[in-house]
Amino acid sequence: MTTNVGNICTREVVTVTPHIDLASAAQCMRAKNVGFLVAVDPQPNTAYGRPVGVLTDRDIVVSVVAGEADPKMLTVADVMKQYPAMADETDSLEQALRTMRRMGVRRLPVVGAGGMLSGVLSLDDVLDVLSAELSEVSSTVRGARHHEDRAR
């Protein structure tokens, strides 16, 4: 497995800025049907900006709902995980998986040139790659059997 993270990550990322209220971030999650937002510091001439934190639906439930806080009184910055673990587009899949395991996360923001956000790598992306590779292995085994049968 020598696939680079940049080749398999999801390029369409839902982002927010750290200063928006948490209720708006939750509404964004609902509207976009995602449970993960990357908080960015917008930069001119970039698609997304520089990642400064991540916010999950679980963060909102555990930190806000369970604590009975008012999400309209909090901002993304109040709840987000600052300085999130990230992967570079050129990192190998193995490197990214080690980071995910070490940090206990299922998604990593992916950065490119200048540390600008370029995508998100999720375990779903990894499973897609692995299932395709396993399918190739299975096809190879079937092909070898077919050749043996014809040779007899």
N, C-alpha and C. Protein backbone atom coordinates (compact mmCIF):
# COMPACT_ATOMS: atom_id res chain seq x y z
N MET A 1 0.85 -1.17 0.00
CA MET A 1 0.00 0.00 0.00
C MET A 1 0.90 1.24 0.00
N THR A 2 1.09 1.88 -1.15
CA THR A 2 1.93 3.07 -1.24
C THR A 2 1.15 4.28 -1.75
N THR A 3 -0.13 4.27 -1.56
CA THR A 3 -0.99 5.35 -2.02
C THR A 3 -0.74 6.61 -1.19
N ASN A 4 -0.66 7.75 -1.87
CA ASN A 4 -0.54 9.03 -1.16
C ASN A 4 -1.91 9.50 -0.71
N VAL A 5 -1.93 10.17 0.42
CA VAL A 5 -3.17 10.68 1.00
C VAL A 5 -3.89 11.60 0.01
N GLY A 6 -3.14 12.42 -0.71
CA GLY A 6 -3.74 13.36 -1.64
C GLY A 6 -4.51 12.68 -2.76
N ASN A 7 -4.17 11.43 -3.05
CA ASN A 7 -4.85 10.71 -4.13
C ASN A 7 -6.19 10.12 -3.71
N ILE A 8 -6.41 9.98 -2.41
CA ILE A 8 -7.64 9.29 -1.98
C ILE A 8 -8.53 10.12 -1.07
N CYS A 9 -8.05 11.26 -0.59
CA CYS A 9 -8.87 12.05 0.33
C CYS A 9 -10.06 12.66 -0.41
N THR A 10 -11.06 13.02 0.36
CA THR A 10 -12.23 13.71 -0.17
C THR A 10 -11.87 15.18 -0.32
N ARG A 11 -12.07 15.71 -1.51
CA ARG A 11 -11.66 17.10 -1.79
C ARG A 11 -12.74 18.12 -1.46
N GLU A 12 -13.98 17.69 -1.38
CA GLU A 12 -15.06 18.61 -1.02
C GLU A 12 -15.21 18.60 0.50
N VAL A 13 -14.80 19.70 1.12
CA VAL A 13 -14.77 19.78 2.57
C VAL A 13 -15.74 20.87 3.03
N VAL A 14 -16.47 20.58 4.08
CA VAL A 14 -17.35 21.58 4.67
C VAL A 14 -16.55 22.30 5.75
N THR A 15 -16.44 23.61 5.59
CA THR A 15 -15.64 24.41 6.52
C THR A 15 -16.49 25.48 7.19
N VAL A 16 -15.99 25.96 8.31
CA VAL A 16 -16.57 27.09 9.03
C VAL A 16 -15.42 27.94 9.54
N THR A 17 -15.75 29.13 9.97
CA THR A 17 -14.75 29.95 10.64
C THR A 17 -14.95 29.81 12.15
N PRO A 18 -13.89 29.95 12.91
CA PRO A 18 -14.00 29.73 14.37
C PRO A 18 -14.95 30.68 15.09
N HIS A 19 -15.22 31.85 14.52
CA HIS A 19 -16.03 32.83 15.25
C HIS A 19 -17.54 32.68 15.08
N ILE A 20 -18.02 31.76 14.22
CA ILE A 20 -19.48 31.62 14.08
C ILE A 20 -20.06 30.90 15.29
N ASP A 21 -21.33 31.16 15.55
CA ASP A 21 -21.93 30.53 16.72
C ASP A 21 -22.15 29.04 16.48
N LEU A 22 -22.14 28.29 17.54
CA LEU A 22 -22.22 26.84 17.48
C LEU A 22 -23.54 26.36 16.89
N ALA A 23 -24.62 27.08 17.15
CA ALA A 23 -25.92 26.69 16.58
C ALA A 23 -25.85 26.75 15.05
N SER A 24 -25.21 27.76 14.50
CA SER A 24 -25.06 27.86 13.04
C SER A 24 -24.19 26.73 12.49
N ALA A 25 -23.15 26.38 13.23
CA ALA A 25 -22.30 25.26 12.81
C ALA A 25 -23.10 23.96 12.80
N ALA A 26 -23.91 23.75 13.81
CA ALA A 26 -24.74 22.54 13.88
C ALA A 26 -25.76 22.52 12.74
N GLN A 27 -26.33 23.66 12.42
CA GLN A 27 -27.26 23.75 11.31
C GLN A 27 -26.56 23.46 9.98
N CYS A 28 -25.32 23.91 9.86
CA CYS A 28 -24.52 23.62 8.67
C CYS A 28 -24.29 22.12 8.55
N MET A 29 -23.96 21.47 9.66
CA MET A 29 -23.77 20.02 9.65
C MET A 29 -25.04 19.32 9.17
N ARG A 30 -26.16 19.77 9.68
CA ARG A 30 -27.44 19.15 9.31
C ARG A 30 -27.74 19.37 7.82
N ALA A 31 -27.56 20.59 7.35
CA ALA A 31 -27.86 20.92 5.96
C ALA A 31 -26.94 20.17 4.98
N LYS A 32 -25.69 19.99 5.37
CA LYS A 32 -24.72 19.33 4.49
C LYS A 32 -24.61 17.83 4.76
N ASN A 33 -25.35 17.36 5.77
CA ASN A 33 -25.35 15.94 6.14
C ASN A 33 -23.94 15.43 6.46
N VAL A 34 -23.23 16.18 7.32
CA VAL A 34 -21.90 15.79 7.75
C VAL A 34 -21.82 15.86 9.27
N GLY A 35 -20.87 15.17 9.83
CA GLY A 35 -20.66 15.21 11.27
C GLY A 35 -19.29 15.75 11.63
N PHE A 36 -18.63 16.39 10.65
CA PHE A 36 -17.26 16.86 10.83
C PHE A 36 -17.07 18.16 10.05
N LEU A 37 -16.64 19.19 10.74
CA LEU A 37 -16.35 20.47 10.10
C LEU A 37 -14.90 20.83 10.37
N VAL A 38 -14.27 21.44 9.39
CA VAL A 38 -12.92 21.96 9.59
C VAL A 38 -13.04 23.46 9.76
N ALA A 39 -12.54 23.95 10.89
CA ALA A 39 -12.52 25.39 11.13
C ALA A 39 -11.26 25.94 10.46
N VAL A 40 -11.46 26.96 9.64
CA VAL A 40 -10.34 27.50 8.88
C VAL A 40 -10.18 28.99 9.12
N ASP A 41 -8.95 29.42 8.93
CA ASP A 41 -8.61 30.84 8.87
C ASP A 41 -8.56 31.14 7.39
N PRO A 42 -9.60 31.79 6.84
CA PRO A 42 -9.64 32.01 5.39
C PRO A 42 -8.41 32.78 4.90
N GLN A 43 -7.92 32.38 3.76
CA GLN A 43 -6.76 33.03 3.14
C GLN A 43 -7.15 33.44 1.72
N PRO A 44 -6.69 34.60 1.28
CA PRO A 44 -7.01 35.02 -0.09
C PRO A 44 -6.42 34.04 -1.11
N ASN A 45 -7.12 33.87 -2.19
CA ASN A 45 -6.67 33.03 -3.32
C ASN A 45 -6.50 31.56 -2.96
N THR A 46 -7.24 31.08 -1.98
CA THR A 46 -7.23 29.66 -1.66
C THR A 46 -8.67 29.17 -1.61
N ALA A 47 -8.82 27.89 -1.85
CA ALA A 47 -10.18 27.32 -1.83
C ALA A 47 -10.77 27.34 -0.43
N TYR A 48 -9.96 26.99 0.55
CA TYR A 48 -10.51 26.84 1.90
C TYR A 48 -9.84 27.71 2.95
N GLY A 49 -8.54 27.78 2.95
CA GLY A 49 -7.80 28.48 3.99
C GLY A 49 -6.97 27.51 4.81
N ARG A 50 -6.44 28.00 5.89
CA ARG A 50 -5.57 27.21 6.76
C ARG A 50 -6.39 26.62 7.90
N PRO A 51 -6.33 25.30 8.11
CA PRO A 51 -7.09 24.69 9.21
C PRO A 51 -6.56 25.13 10.58
N VAL A 52 -7.48 25.50 11.45
CA VAL A 52 -7.10 25.89 12.81
C VAL A 52 -7.79 25.04 13.86
N GLY A 53 -8.72 24.19 13.43
CA GLY A 53 -9.42 23.32 14.37
C GLY A 53 -10.41 22.43 13.64
N VAL A 54 -10.95 21.48 14.38
CA VAL A 54 -11.99 20.60 13.85
C VAL A 54 -13.12 20.51 14.87
N LEU A 55 -14.32 20.32 14.35
CA LEU A 55 -15.50 20.22 15.20
C LEU A 55 -16.32 19.04 14.72
N THR A 56 -16.69 18.16 15.64
CA THR A 56 -17.52 17.00 15.30
C THR A 56 -18.89 17.14 15.97
N ASP A 57 -19.83 16.40 15.42
CA ASP A 57 -21.15 16.38 16.05
C ASP A 57 -21.05 15.86 17.48
N ARG A 58 -20.14 14.94 17.71
CA ARG A 58 -19.94 14.41 19.06
C ARG A 58 -19.43 15.50 20.01
N ASP A 59 -18.53 16.37 19.53
CA ASP A 59 -18.05 17.48 20.35
C ASP A 59 -19.22 18.34 20.82
N ILE A 60 -20.16 18.58 19.92
CA ILE A 60 -21.32 19.41 20.27
C ILE A 60 -22.19 18.71 21.30
N VAL A 61 -22.42 17.42 21.12
CA VAL A 61 -23.26 16.67 22.06
C VAL A 61 -22.60 16.60 23.43
N VAL A 62 -21.34 16.22 23.48
CA VAL A 62 -20.66 16.01 24.76
C VAL A 62 -20.39 17.34 25.48
N SER A 63 -19.92 18.34 24.74
CA SER A 63 -19.53 19.60 25.38
C SER A 63 -20.67 20.57 25.60
N VAL A 64 -21.67 20.52 24.75
CA VAL A 64 -22.72 21.54 24.82
C VAL A 64 -24.05 20.96 25.29
N VAL A 65 -24.57 20.01 24.55
CA VAL A 65 -25.89 19.47 24.88
C VAL A 65 -25.87 18.80 26.25
N ALA A 66 -24.90 17.91 26.48
CA ALA A 66 -24.84 17.21 27.77
C ALA A 66 -24.54 18.16 28.92
N GLY A 67 -23.84 19.25 28.62
CA GLY A 67 -23.55 20.24 29.65
C GLY A 67 -24.62 21.30 29.78
N GLU A 68 -25.70 21.15 29.00
CA GLU A 68 -26.84 22.06 29.02
C GLU A 68 -26.45 23.52 28.76
N ALA A 69 -25.44 23.71 27.89
CA ALA A 69 -25.03 25.07 27.50
C ALA A 69 -25.89 25.53 26.32
N ASP A 70 -25.95 26.82 26.12
CA ASP A 70 -26.72 27.40 25.02
C ASP A 70 -25.81 27.51 23.80
N PRO A 71 -26.08 26.73 22.73
CA PRO A 71 -25.20 26.76 21.56
C PRO A 71 -25.17 28.11 20.85
N LYS A 72 -26.15 28.93 21.08
CA LYS A 72 -26.15 30.27 20.47
C LYS A 72 -25.21 31.22 21.21
N MET A 73 -24.83 30.84 22.42
CA MET A 73 -23.93 31.67 23.22
C MET A 73 -22.47 31.25 23.08
N LEU A 74 -22.23 30.16 22.37
CA LEU A 74 -20.87 29.66 22.18
C LEU A 74 -20.48 29.77 20.72
N THR A 75 -19.20 29.85 20.47
CA THR A 75 -18.70 29.86 19.09
C THR A 75 -18.02 28.53 18.80
N VAL A 76 -17.74 28.30 17.54
CA VAL A 76 -17.00 27.11 17.14
C VAL A 76 -15.67 27.05 17.90
N ALA A 77 -15.01 28.20 18.04
CA ALA A 77 -13.72 28.25 18.73
C ALA A 77 -13.80 27.78 20.18
N ASP A 78 -14.97 27.95 20.80
CA ASP A 78 -15.14 27.54 22.20
C ASP A 78 -15.13 26.02 22.36
N VAL A 79 -15.48 25.30 21.30
CA VAL A 79 -15.68 23.85 21.42
C VAL A 79 -14.72 23.05 20.55
N MET A 80 -14.23 23.63 19.46
CA MET A 80 -13.41 22.88 18.50
C MET A 80 -12.13 22.37 19.13
N LYS A 81 -11.59 21.32 18.53
CA LYS A 81 -10.26 20.82 18.89
C LYS A 81 -9.26 21.68 18.13
N GLN A 82 -8.49 22.46 18.87
CA GLN A 82 -7.48 23.30 18.24
C GLN A 82 -6.25 22.47 17.89
N TYR A 83 -5.52 22.95 16.90
CA TYR A 83 -4.28 22.29 16.46
C TYR A 83 -4.53 20.81 16.18
N PRO A 84 -5.46 20.51 15.29
CA PRO A 84 -5.77 19.10 15.04
C PRO A 84 -4.63 18.38 14.34
N ALA A 85 -4.59 17.08 14.52
CA ALA A 85 -3.66 16.26 13.75
C ALA A 85 -4.04 16.41 12.29
N MET A 86 -3.05 16.47 11.42
CA MET A 86 -3.31 16.63 9.99
C MET A 86 -2.39 15.71 9.21
N ALA A 87 -2.73 15.54 7.95
CA ALA A 87 -1.89 14.80 7.02
C ALA A 87 -1.53 15.72 5.87
N ASP A 88 -0.35 15.53 5.35
CA ASP A 88 0.06 16.25 4.15
C ASP A 88 -0.37 15.44 2.94
N GLU A 89 -0.68 16.11 1.85
CA GLU A 89 -1.10 15.42 0.63
C GLU A 89 -0.08 14.36 0.19
N THR A 90 1.18 14.60 0.49
CA THR A 90 2.23 13.67 0.04
C THR A 90 2.48 12.53 1.02
N ASP A 91 1.85 12.56 2.18
CA ASP A 91 2.02 11.48 3.16
C ASP A 91 1.50 10.17 2.59
N SER A 92 2.12 9.09 2.98
CA SER A 92 1.62 7.78 2.59
C SER A 92 0.38 7.46 3.40
N LEU A 93 -0.41 6.55 2.89
CA LEU A 93 -1.59 6.10 3.62
C LEU A 93 -1.19 5.49 4.96
N GLU A 94 -0.08 4.78 4.97
CA GLU A 94 0.40 4.17 6.22
C GLU A 94 0.70 5.25 7.26
N GLN A 95 1.35 6.35 6.85
CA GLN A 95 1.65 7.43 7.79
C GLN A 95 0.36 8.01 8.36
N ALA A 96 -0.61 8.26 7.49
CA ALA A 96 -1.88 8.84 7.93
C ALA A 96 -2.60 7.90 8.90
N LEU A 97 -2.60 6.61 8.60
CA LEU A 97 -3.26 5.65 9.49
C LEU A 97 -2.57 5.59 10.85
N ARG A 98 -1.25 5.68 10.87
CA ARG A 98 -0.54 5.71 12.15
C ARG A 98 -0.96 6.95 12.96
N THR A 99 -1.06 8.07 12.28
CA THR A 99 -1.48 9.31 12.96
C THR A 99 -2.90 9.16 13.49
N MET A 100 -3.79 8.62 12.68
CA MET A 100 -5.18 8.43 13.12
C MET A 100 -5.24 7.52 14.35
N ARG A 101 -4.49 6.44 14.31
CA ARG A 101 -4.50 5.50 15.44
C ARG A 101 -3.92 6.17 16.69
N ARG A 102 -2.79 6.86 16.53
CA ARG A 102 -2.13 7.51 17.67
C ARG A 102 -3.03 8.57 18.30
N MET A 103 -3.76 9.32 17.48
CA MET A 103 -4.60 10.41 17.97
C MET A 103 -6.03 9.97 18.30
N GLY A 104 -6.39 8.75 17.92
CA GLY A 104 -7.73 8.25 18.20
C GLY A 104 -8.81 8.97 17.41
N VAL A 105 -8.51 9.28 16.13
CA VAL A 105 -9.48 9.98 15.29
C VAL A 105 -9.80 9.15 14.05
N ARG A 106 -10.96 9.46 13.45
CA ARG A 106 -11.39 8.75 12.24
C ARG A 106 -11.28 9.61 10.99
N ARG A 107 -10.91 10.88 11.18
CA ARG A 107 -10.77 11.80 10.04
C ARG A 107 -9.58 12.71 10.29
N LEU A 108 -8.90 13.05 9.19
CA LEU A 108 -7.78 13.99 9.27
C LEU A 108 -7.93 15.06 8.20
N PRO A 109 -7.81 16.33 8.57
CA PRO A 109 -7.69 17.34 7.53
C PRO A 109 -6.41 17.07 6.73
N VAL A 110 -6.47 17.31 5.44
CA VAL A 110 -5.31 17.11 4.57
C VAL A 110 -4.90 18.48 4.06
N VAL A 111 -3.61 18.77 4.18
CA VAL A 111 -3.10 20.06 3.75
C VAL A 111 -2.13 19.89 2.59
N GLY A 112 -2.07 20.93 1.79
CA GLY A 112 -1.15 20.96 0.65
C GLY A 112 -0.16 22.09 0.84
N ALA A 113 0.18 22.72 -0.25
CA ALA A 113 1.17 23.79 -0.26
C ALA A 113 0.82 24.88 0.75
N GLY A 114 1.81 25.30 1.50
CA GLY A 114 1.61 26.38 2.46
C GLY A 114 0.71 26.05 3.62
N GLY A 115 0.42 24.76 3.83
CA GLY A 115 -0.44 24.36 4.93
C GLY A 115 -1.91 24.67 4.71
N MET A 116 -2.29 24.89 3.45
CA MET A 116 -3.69 25.18 3.14
C MET A 116 -4.50 23.90 3.03
N LEU A 117 -5.72 23.93 3.54
CA LEU A 117 -6.61 22.78 3.50
C LEU A 117 -6.89 22.37 2.06
N SER A 118 -6.75 21.08 1.79
CA SER A 118 -7.05 20.60 0.43
C SER A 118 -8.02 19.43 0.43
N GLY A 119 -8.30 18.87 1.61
CA GLY A 119 -9.23 17.74 1.67
C GLY A 119 -9.33 17.20 3.08
N VAL A 120 -10.06 16.09 3.19
CA VAL A 120 -10.18 15.36 4.45
C VAL A 120 -10.03 13.88 4.13
N LEU A 121 -9.23 13.20 4.93
CA LEU A 121 -9.09 11.76 4.81
C LEU A 121 -9.93 11.12 5.91
N SER A 122 -10.83 10.23 5.52
CA SER A 122 -11.65 9.53 6.51
C SER A 122 -11.37 8.03 6.42
N LEU A 123 -11.76 7.32 7.45
CA LEU A 123 -11.63 5.87 7.41
C LEU A 123 -12.46 5.28 6.27
N ASP A 124 -13.55 5.93 5.90
CA ASP A 124 -14.34 5.48 4.75
C ASP A 124 -13.50 5.52 3.47
N ASP A 125 -12.70 6.59 3.30
CA ASP A 125 -11.82 6.68 2.14
C ASP A 125 -10.82 5.53 2.13
N VAL A 126 -10.27 5.23 3.30
CA VAL A 126 -9.30 4.14 3.44
C VAL A 126 -9.96 2.81 3.10
N LEU A 127 -11.16 2.58 3.61
CA LEU A 127 -11.86 1.32 3.33
C LEU A 127 -12.16 1.17 1.85
N ASP A 128 -12.48 2.25 1.17
CA ASP A 128 -12.70 2.20 -0.28
C ASP A 128 -11.45 1.71 -1.01
N VAL A 129 -10.30 2.25 -0.62
CA VAL A 129 -9.03 1.85 -1.26
C VAL A 129 -8.72 0.39 -0.95
N LEU A 130 -8.86 0.01 0.30
CA LEU A 130 -8.56 -1.37 0.69
C LEU A 130 -9.49 -2.36 0.01
N SER A 131 -10.77 -2.02 -0.09
CA SER A 131 -11.69 -2.96 -0.74
C SER A 131 -11.36 -3.10 -2.22
N ALA A 132 -10.94 -2.03 -2.87
CA ALA A 132 -10.53 -2.12 -4.28
C ALA A 132 -9.29 -2.99 -4.42
N GLU A 133 -8.34 -2.84 -3.50
CA GLU A 133 -7.12 -3.66 -3.56
C GLU A 133 -7.44 -5.13 -3.29
N LEU A 134 -8.33 -5.39 -2.33
CA LEU A 134 -8.71 -6.78 -2.06
C LEU A 134 -9.45 -7.39 -3.24
N SER A 135 -10.23 -6.60 -3.94
CA SER A 135 -10.91 -7.08 -5.13
C SER A 135 -9.91 -7.47 -6.20
N GLU A 136 -8.84 -6.69 -6.34
CA GLU A 136 -7.78 -7.03 -7.31
C GLU A 136 -7.10 -8.34 -6.93
N VAL A 137 -6.84 -8.52 -5.64
CA VAL A 137 -6.23 -9.78 -5.17
C VAL A 137 -7.15 -10.95 -5.50
N SER A 138 -8.43 -10.79 -5.21
CA SER A 138 -9.39 -11.85 -5.48
C SER A 138 -9.45 -12.17 -6.98
N SER A 139 -9.46 -11.15 -7.81
CA SER A 139 -9.48 -11.36 -9.27
C SER A 139 -8.22 -12.07 -9.73
N THR A 140 -7.10 -11.74 -9.14
CA THR A 140 -5.84 -12.40 -9.50
C THR A 140 -5.88 -13.87 -9.16
N VAL A 141 -6.41 -14.19 -7.99
CA VAL A 141 -6.52 -15.60 -7.58
C VAL A 141 -7.45 -16.35 -8.52
N ARG A 142 -8.59 -15.74 -8.83
CA ARG A 142 -9.53 -16.38 -9.77
C ARG A 142 -8.89 -16.56 -11.14
N GLY A 143 -8.14 -15.56 -11.58
CA GLY A 143 -7.47 -15.65 -12.88
C GLY A 143 -6.43 -16.75 -12.91
N ALA A 144 -5.70 -16.90 -11.82
CA ALA A 144 -4.68 -17.96 -11.76
C ALA A 144 -5.34 -19.33 -11.82
N ARG A 145 -6.45 -19.50 -11.13
CA ARG A 145 -7.18 -20.78 -11.17
C ARG A 145 -7.67 -21.08 -12.58
N HIS A 146 -8.19 -20.04 -13.23
CA HIS A 146 -8.70 -20.20 -14.60
C HIS A 146 -7.58 -20.65 -15.53
N HIS A 147 -6.41 -20.04 -15.40
CA HIS A 147 -5.27 -20.43 -16.24
C HIS A 147 -4.82 -21.86 -15.95
N GLU A 148 -4.85 -22.27 -14.68
CA GLU A 148 -4.50 -23.65 -14.33
C GLU A 148 -5.46 -24.63 -14.96
N ASP A 149 -6.76 -24.29 -14.84
CA ASP A 149 -7.78 -25.18 -15.41
C ASP A 149 -7.62 -25.34 -16.92
N ARG A 150 -7.30 -24.25 -17.60
CA ARG A 150 -7.13 -24.33 -19.06
C ARG A 150 -5.86 -25.08 -19.43
N ALA A 151 -4.84 -25.03 -18.58
CA ALA A 151 -3.58 -25.69 -18.88
C ALA A 151 -3.69 -27.21 -18.74
N ARG A 152 -4.68 -27.69 -18.05
CA ARG A 152 -4.81 -29.14 -17.83
C ARG A 152 -5.44 -29.82 -18.97
